[in-house]
PDB file of all heavy atoms in Angstrom:
ATOM      1  N   PHE A   1     -15.410  -9.720 -10.067  1.00  0.00           N
ATOM      2  CA  PHE A   1     -16.605  -9.057 -10.554  1.00  0.00           C
ATOM      3  C   PHE A   1     -16.848  -9.394 -12.040  1.00  0.00           C
ATOM      4  O   PHE A   1     -17.971  -9.642 -12.465  1.00  0.00           O
ATOM      5  CB  PHE A   1     -16.482  -7.552 -10.381  1.00  0.00           C
ATOM      6  CG  PHE A   1     -17.790  -6.806 -10.544  1.00  0.00           C
ATOM      7  CD1 PHE A   1     -18.641  -6.643  -9.451  1.00  0.00           C
ATOM      8  CD2 PHE A   1     -18.135  -6.272 -11.745  1.00  0.00           C
ATOM      9  CE1 PHE A   1     -19.857  -5.994  -9.626  1.00  0.00           C
ATOM     10  CE2 PHE A   1     -19.328  -5.600 -11.936  1.00  0.00           C
ATOM     11  CZ  PHE A   1     -20.207  -5.448 -10.848  1.00  0.00           C
ATOM     12  N   LEU A   2     -15.787  -9.399 -12.796  1.00  0.00           N
ATOM     13  CA  LEU A   2     -15.904  -9.704 -14.244  1.00  0.00           C
ATOM     14  C   LEU A   2     -16.181 -11.182 -14.492  1.00  0.00           C
ATOM     15  O   LEU A   2     -16.584 -11.534 -15.608  1.00  0.00           O
ATOM     16  CB  LEU A   2     -14.615  -9.309 -14.956  1.00  0.00           C
ATOM     17  CG  LEU A   2     -14.469  -7.795 -15.230  1.00  0.00           C
ATOM     18  CD1 LEU A   2     -13.066  -7.436 -15.651  1.00  0.00           C
ATOM     19  CD2 LEU A   2     -15.455  -7.331 -16.292  1.00  0.00           C
ATOM     20  N   ASN A   3     -15.984 -11.997 -13.488  1.00  0.00           N
ATOM     21  CA  ASN A   3     -16.202 -13.446 -13.675  1.00  0.00           C
ATOM     22  C   ASN A   3     -17.454 -13.940 -12.980  1.00  0.00           C
ATOM     23  O   ASN A   3     -17.615 -15.146 -12.723  1.00  0.00           O
ATOM     24  CB  ASN A   3     -15.003 -14.211 -13.143  1.00  0.00           C
ATOM     25  CG  ASN A   3     -13.792 -14.106 -14.073  1.00  0.00           C
ATOM     26  OD1 ASN A   3     -13.970 -13.932 -15.267  1.00  0.00           O
ATOM     27  ND2 ASN A   3     -12.593 -14.161 -13.523  1.00  0.00           N
ATOM     28  N   LYS A   4     -18.392 -13.042 -12.652  1.00  0.00           N
ATOM     29  CA  LYS A   4     -19.626 -13.465 -12.043  1.00  0.00           C
ATOM     30  C   LYS A   4     -20.363 -14.411 -13.004  1.00  0.00           C
ATOM     31  O   LYS A   4     -20.214 -14.303 -14.228  1.00  0.00           O
ATOM     32  CB  LYS A   4     -20.514 -12.258 -11.725  1.00  0.00           C
ATOM     33  CG  LYS A   4     -20.065 -11.515 -10.495  1.00  0.00           C
ATOM     34  CD  LYS A   4     -21.066 -10.409 -10.117  1.00  0.00           C
ATOM     35  CE  LYS A   4     -20.719  -9.766  -8.810  1.00  0.00           C
ATOM     36  NZ  LYS A   4     -21.702  -8.729  -8.403  1.00  0.00           N
ATOM     37  N   PRO A   5     -21.153 -15.344 -12.495  1.00  0.00           N
ATOM     38  CA  PRO A   5     -21.788 -16.371 -13.362  1.00  0.00           C
ATOM     39  C   PRO A   5     -22.594 -15.798 -14.513  1.00  0.00           C
ATOM     40  O   PRO A   5     -22.606 -16.402 -15.611  1.00  0.00           O
ATOM     41  CB  PRO A   5     -22.714 -17.095 -12.359  1.00  0.00           C
ATOM     42  CG  PRO A   5     -22.038 -16.937 -11.031  1.00  0.00           C
ATOM     43  CD  PRO A   5     -21.415 -15.577 -11.063  1.00  0.00           C
ATOM     44  N   ASN A   6     -23.267 -14.673 -14.317  1.00  0.00           N
ATOM     45  CA  ASN A   6     -24.084 -14.150 -15.430  1.00  0.00           C
ATOM     46  C   ASN A   6     -23.284 -13.338 -16.434  1.00  0.00           C
ATOM     47  O   ASN A   6     -23.826 -12.666 -17.253  1.00  0.00           O
ATOM     48  CB  ASN A   6     -25.258 -13.305 -14.879  1.00  0.00           C
ATOM     49  CG  ASN A   6     -24.768 -12.104 -14.059  1.00  0.00           C
ATOM     50  OD1 ASN A   6     -23.601 -12.075 -13.679  1.00  0.00           O
ATOM     51  ND2 ASN A   6     -25.656 -11.158 -13.801  1.00  0.00           N
ATOM     52  N   ASN A   7     -21.953 -13.441 -16.365  1.00  0.00           N
ATOM     53  CA  ASN A   7     -21.096 -12.741 -17.341  1.00  0.00           C
ATOM     54  C   ASN A   7     -20.608 -13.693 -18.454  1.00  0.00           C
ATOM     55  O   ASN A   7     -19.773 -13.308 -19.249  1.00  0.00           O
ATOM     56  CB  ASN A   7     -19.870 -12.150 -16.634  1.00  0.00           C
ATOM     57  CG  ASN A   7     -20.226 -10.996 -15.737  1.00  0.00           C
ATOM     58  OD1 ASN A   7     -21.360 -10.593 -15.672  1.00  0.00           O
ATOM     59  ND2 ASN A   7     -19.242 -10.472 -15.041  1.00  0.00           N
ATOM     60  N   THR A   8     -21.148 -14.898 -18.512  1.00  0.00           N
ATOM     61  CA  THR A   8     -20.597 -15.852 -19.440  1.00  0.00           C
ATOM     62  C   THR A   8     -20.770 -15.416 -20.901  1.00  0.00           C
ATOM     63  O   THR A   8     -19.904 -15.724 -21.743  1.00  0.00           O
ATOM     64  CB  THR A   8     -21.265 -17.235 -19.236  1.00  0.00           C
ATOM     65  OG1 THR A   8     -22.712 -17.063 -19.316  1.00  0.00           O
ATOM     66  CG2 THR A   8     -20.869 -17.797 -17.865  1.00  0.00           C
ATOM     67  N   GLU A   9     -21.877 -14.717 -21.234  1.00  0.00           N
ATOM     68  CA  GLU A   9     -22.088 -14.246 -22.612  1.00  0.00           C
ATOM     69  C   GLU A   9     -20.961 -13.326 -23.068  1.00  0.00           C
ATOM     70  O   GLU A   9     -20.569 -13.345 -24.229  1.00  0.00           O
ATOM     71  CB  GLU A   9     -23.436 -13.530 -22.721  1.00  0.00           C
ATOM     72  CG  GLU A   9     -24.648 -14.426 -22.649  1.00  0.00           C
ATOM     73  CD  GLU A   9     -24.920 -15.096 -23.996  1.00  0.00           C
ATOM     74  OE1 GLU A   9     -24.245 -14.774 -24.975  1.00  0.00           O
ATOM     75  OE2 GLU A   9     -25.803 -15.970 -24.023  1.00  0.00           O
ATOM     76  N   PHE A  10     -20.473 -12.515 -22.191  1.00  0.00           N
ATOM     77  CA  PHE A  10     -19.411 -11.558 -22.478  1.00  0.00           C
ATOM     78  C   PHE A  10     -18.204 -12.251 -23.100  1.00  0.00           C
ATOM     79  O   PHE A  10     -17.611 -11.778 -24.063  1.00  0.00           O
ATOM     80  CB  PHE A  10     -19.068 -10.824 -21.178  1.00  0.00           C
ATOM     81  CG  PHE A  10     -17.839  -9.997 -21.183  1.00  0.00           C
ATOM     82  CD1 PHE A  10     -17.704  -8.907 -22.047  1.00  0.00           C
ATOM     83  CD2 PHE A  10     -16.786 -10.262 -20.303  1.00  0.00           C
ATOM     84  CE1 PHE A  10     -16.578  -8.114 -22.031  1.00  0.00           C
ATOM     85  CE2 PHE A  10     -15.670  -9.468 -20.285  1.00  0.00           C
ATOM     86  CZ  PHE A  10     -15.550  -8.379 -21.144  1.00  0.00           C
ATOM     87  N   TYR A  11     -17.856 -13.386 -22.521  1.00  0.00           N
ATOM     88  CA  TYR A  11     -16.657 -14.085 -23.015  1.00  0.00           C
ATOM     89  C   TYR A  11     -16.917 -14.915 -24.273  1.00  0.00           C
ATOM     90  O   TYR A  11     -16.002 -15.528 -24.782  1.00  0.00           O
ATOM     91  CB  TYR A  11     -16.089 -14.967 -21.887  1.00  0.00           C
ATOM     92  CG  TYR A  11     -15.509 -14.169 -20.730  1.00  0.00           C
ATOM     93  CD1 TYR A  11     -16.075 -14.255 -19.464  1.00  0.00           C
ATOM     94  CD2 TYR A  11     -14.462 -13.280 -20.942  1.00  0.00           C
ATOM     95  CE1 TYR A  11     -15.563 -13.499 -18.412  1.00  0.00           C
ATOM     96  CE2 TYR A  11     -13.944 -12.549 -19.895  1.00  0.00           C
ATOM     97  CZ  TYR A  11     -14.517 -12.627 -18.630  1.00  0.00           C
ATOM     98  OH  TYR A  11     -14.010 -11.886 -17.583  1.00  0.00           O
ATOM     99  N   ASN A  12     -18.108 -14.899 -24.768  1.00  0.00           N
ATOM    100  CA  ASN A  12     -18.349 -15.442 -26.108  1.00  0.00           C
ATOM    101  C   ASN A  12     -17.829 -14.507 -27.184  1.00  0.00           C
ATOM    102  O   ASN A  12     -17.622 -14.944 -28.339  1.00  0.00           O
ATOM    103  CB  ASN A  12     -19.832 -15.669 -26.352  1.00  0.00           C
ATOM    104  CG  ASN A  12     -20.369 -16.834 -25.521  1.00  0.00           C
ATOM    105  OD1 ASN A  12     -19.630 -17.694 -25.098  1.00  0.00           O
ATOM    106  ND2 ASN A  12     -21.675 -16.826 -25.307  1.00  0.00           N
ATOM    107  N   TYR A  13     -17.613 -13.269 -26.782  1.00  0.00           N
ATOM    108  CA  TYR A  13     -17.151 -12.269 -27.788  1.00  0.00           C
ATOM    109  C   TYR A  13     -15.748 -11.767 -27.488  1.00  0.00           C
ATOM    110  O   TYR A  13     -14.951 -11.590 -28.418  1.00  0.00           O
ATOM    111  CB  TYR A  13     -18.111 -11.055 -27.730  1.00  0.00           C
ATOM    112  CG  TYR A  13     -19.532 -11.393 -28.071  1.00  0.00           C
ATOM    113  CD1 TYR A  13     -20.449 -11.791 -27.080  1.00  0.00           C
ATOM    114  CD2 TYR A  13     -19.974 -11.371 -29.396  1.00  0.00           C
ATOM    115  CE1 TYR A  13     -21.762 -12.118 -27.417  1.00  0.00           C
ATOM    116  CE2 TYR A  13     -21.300 -11.694 -29.732  1.00  0.00           C
ATOM    117  CZ  TYR A  13     -22.158 -12.095 -28.710  1.00  0.00           C
ATOM    118  OH  TYR A  13     -23.437 -12.426 -29.043  1.00  0.00           O
ATOM    119  N   ILE A  14     -15.455 -11.539 -26.217  1.00  0.00           N
ATOM    120  CA  ILE A  14     -14.161 -10.972 -25.825  1.00  0.00           C
ATOM    121  C   ILE A  14     -13.293 -12.065 -25.229  1.00  0.00           C
ATOM    122  O   ILE A  14     -13.732 -12.834 -24.348  1.00  0.00           O
ATOM    123  CB  ILE A  14     -14.372  -9.852 -24.779  1.00  0.00           C
ATOM    124  CG1 ILE A  14     -15.319  -8.766 -25.352  1.00  0.00           C
ATOM    125  CG2 ILE A  14     -13.032  -9.231 -24.370  1.00  0.00           C
ATOM    126  CD1 ILE A  14     -14.832  -8.059 -26.591  1.00  0.00           C
ATOM    127  N   ASN A  15     -12.063 -12.101 -25.678  1.00  0.00           N
ATOM    128  CA  ASN A  15     -11.105 -13.096 -25.216  1.00  0.00           C
ATOM    129  C   ASN A  15     -10.779 -12.872 -23.724  1.00  0.00           C
ATOM    130  O   ASN A  15     -10.293 -11.797 -23.334  1.00  0.00           O
ATOM    131  CB  ASN A  15      -9.834 -13.008 -26.071  1.00  0.00           C
ATOM    132  CG  ASN A  15      -8.859 -14.126 -25.785  1.00  0.00           C
ATOM    133  OD1 ASN A  15      -8.841 -14.682 -24.710  1.00  0.00           O
ATOM    134  ND2 ASN A  15      -8.060 -14.449 -26.780  1.00  0.00           N
ATOM    135  N   LYS A  16     -11.025 -13.859 -22.936  1.00  0.00           N
ATOM    136  CA  LYS A  16     -10.824 -13.733 -21.472  1.00  0.00           C
ATOM    137  C   LYS A  16      -9.358 -13.448 -21.114  1.00  0.00           C
ATOM    138  O   LYS A  16      -9.067 -12.653 -20.208  1.00  0.00           O
ATOM    139  CB  LYS A  16     -11.305 -14.995 -20.760  1.00  0.00           C
ATOM    140  CG  LYS A  16     -11.356 -14.827 -19.232  1.00  0.00           C
ATOM    141  CD  LYS A  16     -12.044 -16.057 -18.617  1.00  0.00           C
ATOM    142  CE  LYS A  16     -12.200 -15.877 -17.123  1.00  0.00           C
ATOM    143  NZ  LYS A  16     -12.911 -17.029 -16.497  1.00  0.00           N
ATOM    144  N   ASP A  17      -8.469 -14.050 -21.857  1.00  0.00           N
ATOM    145  CA  ASP A  17      -7.023 -13.791 -21.609  1.00  0.00           C
ATOM    146  C   ASP A  17      -6.672 -12.315 -21.821  1.00  0.00           C
ATOM    147  O   ASP A  17      -5.840 -11.765 -21.082  1.00  0.00           O
ATOM    148  CB  ASP A  17      -6.153 -14.660 -22.513  1.00  0.00           C
ATOM    149  CG  ASP A  17      -6.178 -16.130 -22.140  1.00  0.00           C
ATOM    150  OD1 ASP A  17      -6.553 -16.401 -20.939  1.00  0.00           O
ATOM    151  OD2 ASP A  17      -5.826 -16.974 -22.929  1.00  0.00           O
ATOM    152  N   PHE A  18      -7.302 -11.703 -22.819  1.00  0.00           N
ATOM    153  CA  PHE A  18      -7.043 -10.285 -23.105  1.00  0.00           C
ATOM    154  C   PHE A  18      -7.530  -9.430 -21.926  1.00  0.00           C
ATOM    155  O   PHE A  18      -6.878  -8.451 -21.547  1.00  0.00           O
ATOM    156  CB  PHE A  18      -7.732  -9.865 -24.396  1.00  0.00           C
ATOM    157  CG  PHE A  18      -7.369  -8.480 -24.867  1.00  0.00           C
ATOM    158  CD1 PHE A  18      -6.276  -8.279 -25.692  1.00  0.00           C
ATOM    159  CD2 PHE A  18      -8.100  -7.380 -24.453  1.00  0.00           C
ATOM    160  CE1 PHE A  18      -5.939  -7.002 -26.144  1.00  0.00           C
ATOM    161  CE2 PHE A  18      -7.780  -6.096 -24.841  1.00  0.00           C
ATOM    162  CZ  PHE A  18      -6.686  -5.902 -25.712  1.00  0.00           C
ATOM    163  N   VAL A  19      -8.701  -9.782 -21.379  1.00  0.00           N
ATOM    164  CA  VAL A  19      -9.247  -9.051 -20.231  1.00  0.00           C
ATOM    165  C   VAL A  19      -8.279  -9.141 -19.037  1.00  0.00           C
ATOM    166  O   VAL A  19      -7.963  -8.152 -18.380  1.00  0.00           O
ATOM    167  CB  VAL A  19     -10.618  -9.577 -19.846  1.00  0.00           C
ATOM    168  CG1 VAL A  19     -11.154  -8.904 -18.571  1.00  0.00           C
ATOM    169  CG2 VAL A  19     -11.626  -9.371 -21.019  1.00  0.00           C
ATOM    170  N   ILE A  20      -7.812 -10.351 -18.729  1.00  0.00           N
ATOM    171  CA  ILE A  20      -6.902 -10.537 -17.581  1.00  0.00           C
ATOM    172  C   ILE A  20      -5.614  -9.780 -17.802  1.00  0.00           C
ATOM    173  O   ILE A  20      -5.085  -9.146 -16.875  1.00  0.00           O
ATOM    174  CB  ILE A  20      -6.622 -12.031 -17.383  1.00  0.00           C
ATOM    175  CG1 ILE A  20      -7.921 -12.799 -17.069  1.00  0.00           C
ATOM    176  CG2 ILE A  20      -5.620 -12.222 -16.255  1.00  0.00           C
ATOM    177  CD1 ILE A  20      -8.653 -12.311 -15.843  1.00  0.00           C
ATOM    178  N   LYS A  21      -5.094  -9.806 -19.023  1.00  0.00           N
ATOM    179  CA  LYS A  21      -3.838  -9.073 -19.297  1.00  0.00           C
ATOM    180  C   LYS A  21      -4.041  -7.547 -19.197  1.00  0.00           C
ATOM    181  O   LYS A  21      -3.116  -6.832 -18.757  1.00  0.00           O
ATOM    182  CB  LYS A  21      -3.318  -9.447 -20.686  1.00  0.00           C
ATOM    183  CG  LYS A  21      -2.749 -10.841 -20.747  1.00  0.00           C
ATOM    184  CD  LYS A  21      -2.277 -11.231 -22.161  1.00  0.00           C
ATOM    185  CE  LYS A  21      -1.731 -12.659 -22.146  1.00  0.00           C
ATOM    186  NZ  LYS A  21      -1.326 -13.099 -23.528  1.00  0.00           N
ATOM    187  N   THR A  22      -5.211  -7.089 -19.536  1.00  0.00           N
ATOM    188  CA  THR A  22      -5.503  -5.640 -19.387  1.00  0.00           C
ATOM    189  C   THR A  22      -5.503  -5.279 -17.933  1.00  0.00           C
ATOM    190  O   THR A  22      -4.973  -4.247 -17.555  1.00  0.00           O
ATOM    191  CB  THR A  22      -6.884  -5.337 -20.014  1.00  0.00           C
ATOM    192  OG1 THR A  22      -6.847  -5.623 -21.442  1.00  0.00           O
ATOM    193  CG2 THR A  22      -7.224  -3.852 -19.840  1.00  0.00           C
ATOM    194  N   ILE A  23      -6.091  -6.112 -17.114  1.00  0.00           N
ATOM    195  CA  ILE A  23      -6.121  -5.852 -15.659  1.00  0.00           C
ATOM    196  C   ILE A  23      -4.686  -5.850 -15.118  1.00  0.00           C
ATOM    197  O   ILE A  23      -4.287  -4.980 -14.337  1.00  0.00           O
ATOM    198  CB  ILE A  23      -6.971  -6.938 -14.929  1.00  0.00           C
ATOM    199  CG1 ILE A  23      -8.439  -6.782 -15.346  1.00  0.00           C
ATOM    200  CG2 ILE A  23      -6.805  -6.803 -13.427  1.00  0.00           C
ATOM    201  CD1 ILE A  23      -9.313  -7.901 -14.836  1.00  0.00           C
ATOM    202  N   ASP A  24      -3.861  -6.832 -15.553  1.00  0.00           N
ATOM    203  CA  ASP A  24      -2.482  -6.875 -15.112  1.00  0.00           C
ATOM    204  C   ASP A  24      -1.710  -5.632 -15.498  1.00  0.00           C
ATOM    205  O   ASP A  24      -0.928  -5.079 -14.701  1.00  0.00           O
ATOM    206  CB  ASP A  24      -1.783  -8.108 -15.727  1.00  0.00           C
ATOM    207  CG  ASP A  24      -2.252  -9.411 -15.106  1.00  0.00           C
ATOM    208  OD1 ASP A  24      -2.781  -9.378 -13.989  1.00  0.00           O
ATOM    209  OD2 ASP A  24      -2.089 -10.482 -15.769  1.00  0.00           O
ATOM    210  N   LYS A  25      -1.959  -5.174 -16.739  1.00  0.00           N
ATOM    211  CA  LYS A  25      -1.261  -3.938 -17.182  1.00  0.00           C
ATOM    212  C   LYS A  25      -1.672  -2.720 -16.320  1.00  0.00           C
ATOM    213  O   LYS A  25      -0.824  -1.899 -15.977  1.00  0.00           O
ATOM    214  CB  LYS A  25      -1.599  -3.647 -18.637  1.00  0.00           C
ATOM    215  CG  LYS A  25      -0.932  -4.594 -19.633  1.00  0.00           C
ATOM    216  CD  LYS A  25      -1.360  -4.290 -21.071  1.00  0.00           C
ATOM    217  CE  LYS A  25      -0.690  -5.229 -22.057  1.00  0.00           C
ATOM    218  NZ  LYS A  25      -1.087  -4.930 -23.470  1.00  0.00           N
ATOM    219  N   HIS A  26      -2.933  -2.657 -15.985  1.00  0.00           N
ATOM    220  CA  HIS A  26      -3.385  -1.540 -15.183  1.00  0.00           C
ATOM    221  C   HIS A  26      -2.747  -1.591 -13.790  1.00  0.00           C
ATOM    222  O   HIS A  26      -2.304  -0.513 -13.266  1.00  0.00           O
ATOM    223  CB  HIS A  26      -4.917  -1.553 -15.042  1.00  0.00           C
ATOM    224  CG  HIS A  26      -5.443  -0.343 -14.363  1.00  0.00           C
ATOM    225  ND1 HIS A  26      -5.593   0.867 -14.978  1.00  0.00           N
ATOM    226  CD2 HIS A  26      -5.873  -0.141 -13.073  1.00  0.00           C
ATOM    227  CE1 HIS A  26      -6.110   1.755 -14.146  1.00  0.00           C
ATOM    228  NE2 HIS A  26      -6.260   1.171 -12.968  1.00  0.00           N
ATOM    229  N   PHE A  27      -2.669  -2.746 -13.225  1.00  0.00           N
ATOM    230  CA  PHE A  27      -2.078  -2.862 -11.865  1.00  0.00           C
ATOM    231  C   PHE A  27      -0.544  -2.794 -11.909  1.00  0.00           C
ATOM    232  O   PHE A  27       0.066  -2.703 -10.840  1.00  0.00           O
ATOM    233  CB  PHE A  27      -2.556  -4.142 -11.202  1.00  0.00           C
ATOM    234  CG  PHE A  27      -3.936  -3.990 -10.610  1.00  0.00           C
ATOM    235  CD1 PHE A  27      -5.081  -4.119 -11.389  1.00  0.00           C
ATOM    236  CD2 PHE A  27      -4.115  -3.688  -9.275  1.00  0.00           C
ATOM    237  CE1 PHE A  27      -6.334  -3.948 -10.872  1.00  0.00           C
ATOM    238  CE2 PHE A  27      -5.385  -3.537  -8.716  1.00  0.00           C
ATOM    239  CZ  PHE A  27      -6.515  -3.666  -9.520  1.00  0.00           C
ATOM    240  N   SER A  28       0.030  -2.815 -13.128  1.00  0.00           N
ATOM    241  CA  SER A  28       1.470  -2.631 -13.242  1.00  0.00           C
ATOM    242  C   SER A  28       1.847  -1.179 -13.520  1.00  0.00           C
ATOM    243  O   SER A  28       3.029  -0.873 -13.675  1.00  0.00           O
ATOM    244  CB  SER A  28       1.998  -3.517 -14.378  1.00  0.00           C
ATOM    245  OG  SER A  28       1.809  -4.900 -14.073  1.00  0.00           O
ATOM    246  N   GLY A  29       0.832  -0.334 -13.618  1.00  0.00           N
ATOM    247  CA  GLY A  29       1.107   1.088 -13.775  1.00  0.00           C
ATOM    248  C   GLY A  29       0.535   1.760 -15.024  1.00  0.00           C
ATOM    249  O   GLY A  29       0.456   2.974 -15.101  1.00  0.00           O
TER     250      GLY A  29
END
């Protein structure tokens, strides 16, 4: 959902690796 094509502007500001790591942390508890 966060990687839908029209989300490209979002990653001009927010580091994609940080987003993925946040998701990983949430799913780790």
